Amino acid sequence: MTTTVVALLLVGLGSVAYRLLPLLGAARVPEPVSRAAGWAGMSVITAVVVRGVLNHRDDSIPWAVPVAVLSVALGLTLAARGRGALVVLAVGAGSYLALSAVLGLLV
């Protein structure tokens, strides 16, 4: 938990600095810095999602972690195919609810 918070704070501070840099006199941010900032932000988002899914605990849902993994994988597949964020979130949440309900009836 602590390392996640530290990573989020560092990337957040880096993001603020990245946005302030042009205002403080730099005409243009160098391309390698821009690329690294993009990868750093995506890495933190990925780490937060993976950690949240693998630490998912819900006693009311049998096999809660595999259900969460399948739902996130389905959403990721749709995102990789270029679907919009609303569609990705709706399908991910809907598949989580549907799988939870089906497993709840079977067990």
N, C-alpha and C. Protein backbone atom coordinates (compact mmCIF):
# COMPACT_ATOMS: atom_id res chain seq x y z
N MET A 1 0.83 -1.20 0.00
CA MET A 1 0.00 0.00 0.00
C MET A 1 0.87 1.25 0.00
N THR A 2 1.88 1.27 0.86
CA THR A 2 2.73 2.45 0.97
C THR A 2 3.48 2.72 -0.33
N THR A 3 4.01 1.67 -0.96
CA THR A 3 4.75 1.89 -2.21
C THR A 3 3.83 2.39 -3.31
N THR A 4 2.58 1.95 -3.31
CA THR A 4 1.63 2.44 -4.31
C THR A 4 1.36 3.93 -4.11
N VAL A 5 1.19 4.33 -2.86
CA VAL A 5 0.93 5.74 -2.57
C VAL A 5 2.14 6.59 -2.95
N VAL A 6 3.33 6.12 -2.65
CA VAL A 6 4.55 6.85 -3.01
C VAL A 6 4.66 6.97 -4.53
N ALA A 7 4.39 5.88 -5.24
CA ALA A 7 4.46 5.92 -6.71
C ALA A 7 3.43 6.90 -7.27
N LEU A 8 2.22 6.87 -6.73
CA LEU A 8 1.19 7.82 -7.20
C LEU A 8 1.59 9.26 -6.94
N LEU A 9 2.14 9.53 -5.77
CA LEU A 9 2.58 10.89 -5.45
C LEU A 9 3.70 11.35 -6.36
N LEU A 10 4.68 10.47 -6.60
CA LEU A 10 5.80 10.85 -7.47
C LEU A 10 5.35 11.13 -8.90
N VAL A 11 4.49 10.27 -9.42
CA VAL A 11 4.00 10.50 -10.78
C VAL A 11 3.12 11.74 -10.83
N GLY A 12 2.33 11.97 -9.78
CA GLY A 12 1.50 13.18 -9.73
C GLY A 12 2.35 14.44 -9.71
N LEU A 13 3.40 14.44 -8.88
CA LEU A 13 4.30 15.59 -8.84
C LEU A 13 5.03 15.77 -10.17
N GLY A 14 5.43 14.66 -10.77
CA GLY A 14 6.06 14.74 -12.09
C GLY A 14 5.12 15.30 -13.14
N SER A 15 3.85 14.92 -13.04
CA SER A 15 2.86 15.42 -13.99
C SER A 15 2.67 16.93 -13.85
N VAL A 16 2.61 17.39 -12.61
CA VAL A 16 2.48 18.83 -12.37
C VAL A 16 3.70 19.57 -12.91
N ALA A 17 4.89 19.05 -12.62
CA ALA A 17 6.12 19.68 -13.12
C ALA A 17 6.16 19.68 -14.64
N TYR A 18 5.71 18.59 -15.24
CA TYR A 18 5.70 18.47 -16.71
C TYR A 18 4.78 19.53 -17.33
N ARG A 19 3.67 19.81 -16.66
CA ARG A 19 2.74 20.82 -17.18
C ARG A 19 3.20 22.25 -16.90
N LEU A 20 3.95 22.43 -15.83
CA LEU A 20 4.44 23.77 -15.48
C LEU A 20 5.69 24.15 -16.27
N LEU A 21 6.44 23.18 -16.73
CA LEU A 21 7.71 23.43 -17.43
C LEU A 21 7.55 24.41 -18.59
N PRO A 22 6.58 24.22 -19.49
CA PRO A 22 6.43 25.20 -20.58
C PRO A 22 6.05 26.59 -20.08
N LEU A 23 5.31 26.66 -18.99
CA LEU A 23 4.92 27.97 -18.46
C LEU A 23 6.10 28.71 -17.82
N LEU A 24 7.10 27.95 -17.36
CA LEU A 24 8.25 28.56 -16.70
C LEU A 24 9.38 28.92 -17.66
N GLY A 25 9.16 28.78 -18.94
CA GLY A 25 10.16 29.27 -19.88
C GLY A 25 10.65 28.27 -20.91
N ALA A 26 10.44 27.00 -20.69
CA ALA A 26 10.88 26.02 -21.69
C ALA A 26 9.91 26.08 -22.86
N ALA A 27 10.44 26.32 -24.03
CA ALA A 27 9.58 26.45 -25.21
C ALA A 27 8.91 25.13 -25.55
N ARG A 28 9.65 24.04 -25.38
CA ARG A 28 9.11 22.73 -25.74
C ARG A 28 9.77 21.67 -24.88
N VAL A 29 8.98 20.70 -24.43
CA VAL A 29 9.51 19.60 -23.64
C VAL A 29 10.18 18.62 -24.61
N PRO A 30 11.41 18.18 -24.31
CA PRO A 30 12.09 17.25 -25.21
C PRO A 30 11.29 15.95 -25.38
N GLU A 31 11.38 15.38 -26.56
CA GLU A 31 10.62 14.17 -26.89
C GLU A 31 10.92 12.99 -25.96
N PRO A 32 12.18 12.72 -25.60
CA PRO A 32 12.44 11.61 -24.67
C PRO A 32 11.77 11.81 -23.30
N VAL A 33 11.73 13.05 -22.83
CA VAL A 33 11.07 13.33 -21.54
C VAL A 33 9.57 13.11 -21.67
N SER A 34 9.00 13.54 -22.77
CA SER A 34 7.58 13.35 -22.99
C SER A 34 7.22 11.86 -23.07
N ARG A 35 8.04 11.09 -23.76
CA ARG A 35 7.81 9.64 -23.88
C ARG A 35 7.93 8.96 -22.51
N ALA A 36 8.94 9.33 -21.74
CA ALA A 36 9.14 8.73 -20.41
C ALA A 36 7.99 9.08 -19.48
N ALA A 37 7.47 10.30 -19.57
CA ALA A 37 6.34 10.70 -18.72
C ALA A 37 5.09 9.88 -19.06
N GLY A 38 4.88 9.64 -20.32
CA GLY A 38 3.74 8.82 -20.74
C GLY A 38 3.84 7.40 -20.22
N TRP A 39 5.03 6.81 -20.34
CA TRP A 39 5.23 5.43 -19.86
C TRP A 39 5.13 5.36 -18.34
N ALA A 40 5.62 6.37 -17.64
CA ALA A 40 5.55 6.37 -16.17
C ALA A 40 4.09 6.42 -15.71
N GLY A 41 3.31 7.27 -16.32
CA GLY A 41 1.89 7.36 -15.96
C GLY A 41 1.15 6.06 -16.24
N MET A 42 1.39 5.47 -17.40
CA MET A 42 0.73 4.21 -17.74
C MET A 42 1.18 3.08 -16.82
N SER A 43 2.43 3.10 -16.42
CA SER A 43 2.94 2.07 -15.51
C SER A 43 2.27 2.14 -14.15
N VAL A 44 2.07 3.33 -13.64
CA VAL A 44 1.42 3.48 -12.34
C VAL A 44 -0.04 3.05 -12.42
N ILE A 45 -0.73 3.42 -13.48
CA ILE A 45 -2.12 3.00 -13.64
C ILE A 45 -2.21 1.48 -13.72
N THR A 46 -1.31 0.87 -14.47
CA THR A 46 -1.29 -0.59 -14.58
C THR A 46 -1.03 -1.24 -13.22
N ALA A 47 -0.07 -0.72 -12.49
CA ALA A 47 0.26 -1.28 -11.17
C ALA A 47 -0.92 -1.17 -10.21
N VAL A 48 -1.62 -0.05 -10.23
CA VAL A 48 -2.77 0.12 -9.34
C VAL A 48 -3.88 -0.86 -9.70
N VAL A 49 -4.14 -1.05 -10.99
CA VAL A 49 -5.18 -1.98 -11.41
C VAL A 49 -4.81 -3.41 -11.04
N VAL A 50 -3.58 -3.82 -11.36
CA VAL A 50 -3.16 -5.19 -11.06
C VAL A 50 -3.20 -5.46 -9.56
N ARG A 51 -2.70 -4.54 -8.79
CA ARG A 51 -2.71 -4.72 -7.33
C ARG A 51 -4.15 -4.79 -6.80
N GLY A 52 -5.00 -3.93 -7.30
CA GLY A 52 -6.40 -3.95 -6.86
C GLY A 52 -7.11 -5.24 -7.20
N VAL A 53 -6.84 -5.78 -8.38
CA VAL A 53 -7.49 -7.03 -8.79
C VAL A 53 -6.95 -8.21 -7.98
N LEU A 54 -5.65 -8.29 -7.83
CA LEU A 54 -5.08 -9.44 -7.12
C LEU A 54 -5.35 -9.40 -5.62
N ASN A 55 -5.60 -8.24 -5.06
CA ASN A 55 -5.92 -8.13 -3.64
C ASN A 55 -7.43 -8.03 -3.39
N HIS A 56 -8.21 -8.30 -4.41
CA HIS A 56 -9.67 -8.20 -4.30
C HIS A 56 -10.18 -9.26 -3.34
N ARG A 57 -10.95 -8.83 -2.36
CA ARG A 57 -11.53 -9.75 -1.39
C ARG A 57 -13.02 -9.45 -1.26
N ASP A 58 -13.83 -10.45 -1.53
CA ASP A 58 -15.27 -10.34 -1.37
C ASP A 58 -15.79 -11.72 -0.99
N ASP A 59 -16.15 -11.88 0.26
CA ASP A 59 -16.58 -13.18 0.75
C ASP A 59 -17.92 -13.62 0.18
N SER A 60 -18.69 -12.69 -0.37
CA SER A 60 -19.99 -13.05 -0.92
C SER A 60 -19.90 -13.62 -2.33
N ILE A 61 -18.73 -13.52 -2.94
CA ILE A 61 -18.54 -14.02 -4.30
C ILE A 61 -17.55 -15.18 -4.29
N PRO A 62 -17.98 -16.36 -4.71
CA PRO A 62 -17.03 -17.46 -4.81
C PRO A 62 -15.99 -17.14 -5.89
N TRP A 63 -14.75 -17.44 -5.60
CA TRP A 63 -13.65 -17.20 -6.54
C TRP A 63 -13.62 -15.75 -7.02
N ALA A 64 -13.59 -14.84 -6.07
CA ALA A 64 -13.66 -13.41 -6.39
C ALA A 64 -12.49 -12.93 -7.24
N VAL A 65 -11.28 -13.40 -6.95
CA VAL A 65 -10.11 -12.94 -7.70
C VAL A 65 -10.17 -13.41 -9.16
N PRO A 66 -10.44 -14.71 -9.44
CA PRO A 66 -10.55 -15.10 -10.86
C PRO A 66 -11.66 -14.36 -11.61
N VAL A 67 -12.76 -14.07 -10.93
CA VAL A 67 -13.84 -13.31 -11.57
C VAL A 67 -13.35 -11.91 -11.92
N ALA A 68 -12.64 -11.28 -11.00
CA ALA A 68 -12.11 -9.94 -11.26
C ALA A 68 -11.07 -9.98 -12.39
N VAL A 69 -10.22 -11.00 -12.39
CA VAL A 69 -9.20 -11.11 -13.45
C VAL A 69 -9.86 -11.26 -14.81
N LEU A 70 -10.88 -12.12 -14.90
CA LEU A 70 -11.57 -12.30 -16.19
C LEU A 70 -12.25 -11.01 -16.64
N SER A 71 -12.87 -10.30 -15.72
CA SER A 71 -13.56 -9.05 -16.08
C SER A 71 -12.58 -7.99 -16.56
N VAL A 72 -11.45 -7.86 -15.87
CA VAL A 72 -10.44 -6.89 -16.28
C VAL A 72 -9.82 -7.31 -17.62
N ALA A 73 -9.60 -8.60 -17.81
CA ALA A 73 -9.04 -9.08 -19.09
C ALA A 73 -9.99 -8.78 -20.25
N LEU A 74 -11.28 -8.96 -20.02
CA LEU A 74 -12.26 -8.64 -21.06
C LEU A 74 -12.25 -7.15 -21.38
N GLY A 75 -12.20 -6.32 -20.35
CA GLY A 75 -12.13 -4.88 -20.57
C GLY A 75 -10.85 -4.47 -21.29
N LEU A 76 -9.74 -5.09 -20.91
CA LEU A 76 -8.45 -4.80 -21.56
C LEU A 76 -8.48 -5.20 -23.03
N THR A 77 -9.11 -6.33 -23.32
CA THR A 77 -9.21 -6.77 -24.71
C THR A 77 -10.00 -5.75 -25.54
N LEU A 78 -11.10 -5.28 -24.98
CA LEU A 78 -11.89 -4.28 -25.71
C LEU A 78 -11.12 -2.97 -25.87
N ALA A 79 -10.39 -2.57 -24.82
CA ALA A 79 -9.60 -1.34 -24.92
C ALA A 79 -8.52 -1.47 -25.98
N ALA A 80 -7.87 -2.63 -26.04
CA ALA A 80 -6.82 -2.85 -27.05
C ALA A 80 -7.39 -2.83 -28.46
N ARG A 81 -8.65 -3.17 -28.59
CA ARG A 81 -9.30 -3.15 -29.92
C ARG A 81 -9.87 -1.78 -30.27
N GLY A 82 -9.65 -0.79 -29.38
CA GLY A 82 -10.03 0.58 -29.70
C GLY A 82 -11.40 1.00 -29.24
N ARG A 83 -12.05 0.24 -28.40
CA ARG A 83 -13.36 0.63 -27.89
C ARG A 83 -13.22 1.80 -26.93
N GLY A 84 -14.26 2.55 -26.76
CA GLY A 84 -14.25 3.71 -25.89
C GLY A 84 -14.24 3.32 -24.42
N ALA A 85 -13.86 4.27 -23.58
CA ALA A 85 -13.74 4.01 -22.14
C ALA A 85 -15.07 3.62 -21.53
N LEU A 86 -16.15 4.24 -21.95
CA LEU A 86 -17.47 3.92 -21.40
C LEU A 86 -17.86 2.48 -21.72
N VAL A 87 -17.59 2.04 -22.94
CA VAL A 87 -17.89 0.66 -23.34
C VAL A 87 -17.03 -0.31 -22.54
N VAL A 88 -15.74 0.00 -22.40
CA VAL A 88 -14.82 -0.87 -21.66
C VAL A 88 -15.28 -1.02 -20.21
N LEU A 89 -15.61 0.09 -19.56
CA LEU A 89 -16.05 0.04 -18.17
C LEU A 89 -17.39 -0.69 -18.03
N ALA A 90 -18.31 -0.44 -18.94
CA ALA A 90 -19.62 -1.09 -18.86
C ALA A 90 -19.50 -2.59 -19.06
N VAL A 91 -18.72 -3.02 -20.02
CA VAL A 91 -18.56 -4.46 -20.26
C VAL A 91 -17.79 -5.12 -19.12
N GLY A 92 -16.76 -4.46 -18.61
CA GLY A 92 -16.01 -5.01 -17.48
C GLY A 92 -16.88 -5.16 -16.25
N ALA A 93 -17.62 -4.12 -15.90
CA ALA A 93 -18.50 -4.18 -14.73
C ALA A 93 -19.65 -5.16 -14.95
N GLY A 94 -20.21 -5.15 -16.15
CA GLY A 94 -21.30 -6.09 -16.45
C GLY A 94 -20.86 -7.53 -16.39
N SER A 95 -19.68 -7.82 -16.91
CA SER A 95 -19.19 -9.20 -16.87
C SER A 95 -18.87 -9.61 -15.43
N TYR A 96 -18.40 -8.68 -14.61
CA TYR A 96 -18.14 -8.98 -13.20
C TYR A 96 -19.45 -9.33 -12.50
N LEU A 97 -20.47 -8.53 -12.72
CA LEU A 97 -21.77 -8.80 -12.10
C LEU A 97 -22.37 -10.12 -12.59
N ALA A 98 -22.29 -10.37 -13.90
CA ALA A 98 -22.87 -11.59 -14.46
C ALA A 98 -22.13 -12.83 -13.95
N LEU A 99 -20.79 -12.79 -13.97
CA LEU A 99 -20.02 -13.94 -13.48
C LEU A 99 -20.26 -14.16 -11.99
N SER A 100 -20.36 -13.10 -11.22
CA SER A 100 -20.63 -13.22 -9.79
C SER A 100 -21.98 -13.86 -9.54
N ALA A 101 -22.97 -13.43 -10.30
CA ALA A 101 -24.31 -13.99 -10.12
C ALA A 101 -24.37 -15.45 -10.49
N VAL A 102 -23.75 -15.81 -11.61
CA VAL A 102 -23.74 -17.22 -12.04
C VAL A 102 -23.01 -18.08 -11.02
N LEU A 103 -21.85 -17.66 -10.58
CA LEU A 103 -21.11 -18.45 -9.59
C LEU A 103 -21.84 -18.51 -8.25
N GLY A 104 -22.53 -17.44 -7.90
CA GLY A 104 -23.32 -17.45 -6.67
C GLY A 104 -24.45 -18.46 -6.72
N LEU A 105 -25.04 -18.65 -7.90
CA LEU A 105 -26.11 -19.65 -8.04
C LEU A 105 -25.58 -21.07 -8.07
N LEU A 106 -24.38 -21.25 -8.60
CA LEU A 106 -23.80 -22.60 -8.72
C LEU A 106 -23.24 -23.12 -7.40
N VAL A 107 -22.75 -22.21 -6.59
CA VAL A 107 -22.07 -22.65 -5.35
C VAL A 107 -22.99 -22.53 -4.17
